[in-house]
């Protein structure tokens, strides 16, 4: 089978990777955060977040989930937001806390959201305020009991 996509790889990008190079996704993330700490990681709405800032903030959200919300390893935490700086912070924080990230399409209707949250067993959700009304319609019909609301400019 011809691998037509390989012609688009930049020079030096290997055709395959060693999947055993990292013990986990968290190990890969933590090594990258450390290795590139002074470099820009993400930019959104005129704000740039360095890998070091991402490291600190994702540890803070991991701690908050564990010690303030009392979520345990393996807990499912939904993320309902578009591509904002909060997204990688939230995702890495969830993973660092040993929890499961449940990605939710921010364009879901209340009915779709209800099924996603119920089927996944999400105990918590981190949601952009713009979509909170969708959650409000069905929150009592889901296992979600902890809600964190974020704003676009947070």
Foldseek 3Di string as FASTA:
>chain_A
DDPVCVVVDDPPDDPDDDPPPAPDPLRVLVVVLVVFVVDWDDDDPRDTDGSVNLVVLLCVLLCCCCPVVVDAAAAEEEEQDDDAPVVSSPVSNCVVNNYHYQYDHNPDALVVVLCSQAVVVHQEYEYEPVSVVSCVVCVVSGNHDYYHYDYRVD
